[in-house]
C-alpha atoms as a PDB file:
ATOM      1  CA  MET A   1      29.151   5.559   5.179  1.00  0.00           C
ATOM      2  CA  HIS A   2      32.821   6.255   4.867  1.00  0.00           C
ATOM      3  CA  GLY A   3      34.103   9.502   3.419  1.00  0.00           C
ATOM      4  CA  ALA A   4      37.534   9.813   1.875  1.00  0.00           C
ATOM      5  CA  CYS A   5      38.574   9.720  -1.747  1.00  0.00           C
ATOM      6  CA  GLN A   6      41.514   7.504  -0.757  1.00  0.00           C
ATOM      7  CA  SER A   7      39.150   4.747   0.428  1.00  0.00           C
ATOM      8  CA  TYR A   8      38.980   1.316  -1.137  1.00  0.00           C
ATOM      9  CA  PHE A   9      35.351   1.372  -2.245  1.00  0.00           C
ATOM     10  CA  GLU A  10      34.913  -2.346  -2.966  1.00  0.00           C
ATOM     11  CA  ALA A  11      36.441  -3.436   0.342  1.00  0.00           C
ATOM     12  CA  LEU A  12      34.224  -1.055   2.321  1.00  0.00           C
ATOM     13  CA  ILE A  13      31.064  -2.269   0.577  1.00  0.00           C
ATOM     14  CA  SER A  14      32.030  -5.939   0.969  1.00  0.00           C
ATOM     15  CA  ALA A  15      32.733  -5.284   4.675  1.00  0.00           C
ATOM     16  CA  GLY A  16      29.144  -4.127   5.117  1.00  0.00           C
ATOM     17  CA  ALA A  17      29.088  -0.364   4.493  1.00  0.00           C
ATOM     18  CA  ASN A  18      25.814   0.892   3.029  1.00  0.00           C
ATOM     19  CA  PHE A  19      27.570   3.652   1.085  1.00  0.00           C
ATOM     20  CA  ALA A  20      31.220   4.456   0.402  1.00  0.00           C
ATOM     21  CA  SER A  21      33.089   7.171  -1.410  1.00  0.00           C
ATOM     22  CA  SER A  22      34.774   7.337  -4.781  1.00  0.00           C
ATOM     23  CA  PRO A  23      33.952   4.141  -6.684  1.00  0.00           C
ATOM     24  CA  ALA A  24      35.432   5.909  -9.738  1.00  0.00           C
ATOM     25  CA  ARG A  25      38.625   6.790  -7.797  1.00  0.00           C
ATOM     26  CA  ILE A  26      38.080  10.534  -8.156  1.00  0.00           C
ATOM     27  CA  LEU A  27      38.520  13.373  -5.707  1.00  0.00           C
ATOM     28  CA  ILE A  28      35.093  13.896  -4.166  1.00  0.00           C
ATOM     29  CA  ASP A  29      33.577  17.057  -2.774  1.00  0.00           C
ATOM     30  CA  PHE A  30      33.977  17.094   1.004  1.00  0.00           C
ATOM     31  CA  LEU A  31      30.247  17.728   1.420  1.00  0.00           C
ATOM     32  CA  ASP A  32      29.128  14.604  -0.465  1.00  0.00           C
ATOM     33  CA  PRO A  33      29.368  12.205   2.532  1.00  0.00           C
ATOM     34  CA  LEU A  34      27.506  14.777   4.629  1.00  0.00           C
ATOM     35  CA  ILE A  35      24.732  14.996   2.047  1.00  0.00           C
ATOM     36  CA  VAL A  36      24.330  11.205   2.130  1.00  0.00           C
ATOM     37  CA  ALA A  37      24.273  11.132   5.940  1.00  0.00           C
ATOM     38  CA  GLU A  38      21.767  13.993   6.077  1.00  0.00           C
ATOM     39  CA  LYS A  39      19.444  12.303   3.594  1.00  0.00           C
ATOM     40  CA  ILE A  40      19.420   9.097   5.664  1.00  0.00           C
ATOM     41  CA  ALA A  41      19.026  10.944   8.968  1.00  0.00           C
ATOM     42  CA  PHE A  42      16.046  12.989   7.753  1.00  0.00           C
ATOM     43  CA  THR A  43      14.243  10.141   5.958  1.00  0.00           C
ATOM     44  CA  GLU A  44      11.489   8.347   7.877  1.00  0.00           C
ATOM     45  CA  LYS A  45      12.571   4.985   9.286  1.00  0.00           C
ATOM     46  CA  TYR A  46      10.059   3.036   7.182  1.00  0.00           C
ATOM     47  CA  LYS A  47      11.539   4.355   3.900  1.00  0.00           C
ATOM     48  CA  TYR A  48      14.571   2.932   2.123  1.00  0.00           C
ATOM     49  CA  VAL A  49      17.102   5.401   0.664  1.00  0.00           C
ATOM     50  CA  THR A  50      19.069   4.365  -2.437  1.00  0.00           C
ATOM     51  CA  ILE A  51      21.911   6.102  -4.199  1.00  0.00           C
ATOM     52  CA  ASP A  52      19.442   6.988  -6.956  1.00  0.00           C
ATOM     53  CA  ASP A  53      17.555   9.123  -4.409  1.00  0.00           C
ATOM     54  CA  ILE A  54      20.725  11.059  -3.571  1.00  0.00           C
ATOM     55  CA  ALA A  55      22.910  11.067  -6.725  1.00  0.00           C
ATOM     56  CA  ARG A  56      21.523  14.268  -8.240  1.00  0.00           C
ATOM     57  CA  GLU A  57      22.459  16.182  -5.072  1.00  0.00           C
ATOM     58  CA  LEU A  58      26.101  15.053  -5.213  1.00  0.00           C
ATOM     59  CA  ARG A  59      28.693  16.952  -7.238  1.00  0.00           C
ATOM     60  CA  ASP A  60      29.859  13.865  -9.150  1.00  0.00           C
ATOM     61  CA  GLY A  61      26.789  11.677  -8.702  1.00  0.00           C
ATOM     62  CA  LYS A  62      27.421   7.935  -8.474  1.00  0.00           C
ATOM     63  CA  ASN A  63      31.088   8.400  -9.405  1.00  0.00           C
ATOM     64  CA  GLY A  64      31.667  10.254  -6.127  1.00  0.00           C
ATOM     65  CA  VAL A  65      29.584   8.154  -3.738  1.00  0.00           C
ATOM     66  CA  SER A  66      27.739   4.917  -4.331  1.00  0.00           C
ATOM     67  CA  GLY A  67      26.352   1.930  -2.493  1.00  0.00           C
ATOM     68  CA  GLY A  68      23.332  -0.243  -1.956  1.00  0.00           C
ATOM     69  CA  GLY A  69      21.055   1.752   0.306  1.00  0.00           C
ATOM     70  CA  ALA A  70      19.938   2.232   3.872  1.00  0.00           C
ATOM     71  CA  ASN A  71      16.794   2.568   5.918  1.00  0.00           C
ATOM     72  CA  GLY A  72      15.954   6.100   6.997  1.00  0.00           C
ATOM     73  CA  LYS A  73      16.555   6.969  10.647  1.00  0.00           C
ATOM     74  CA  MET A  74      14.014   9.689  11.415  1.00  0.00           C
ATOM     75  CA  ILE A  75      11.229   8.898  13.874  1.00  0.00           C
ATOM     76  CA  LYS A  76       8.316  11.299  14.011  1.00  0.00           C
ATOM     77  CA  THR A  77       6.742  11.755  17.419  1.00  0.00           C
ATOM     78  CA  LEU A  78       3.436  13.304  18.361  1.00  0.00           C
ATOM     79  CA  GLU A  79       3.428  16.160  20.829  1.00  0.00           C
END
């Protein structure tokens, strides 16, 4: 994930980023990259997160942040 509205979306995705900001070349909300990172961090590792799972939580939806998807990172442990 890369967060800056000045980023070159296509180059970041082709370089291997799962998500990148501003495919529509708009000024994004500064919280949008954090929302994406939080969703991935708090999703169980066996689940796959797509932009469709996150878009409604973002100010500008898929115009602000887009990408292919990523596996969740959360691991639940038993106490």
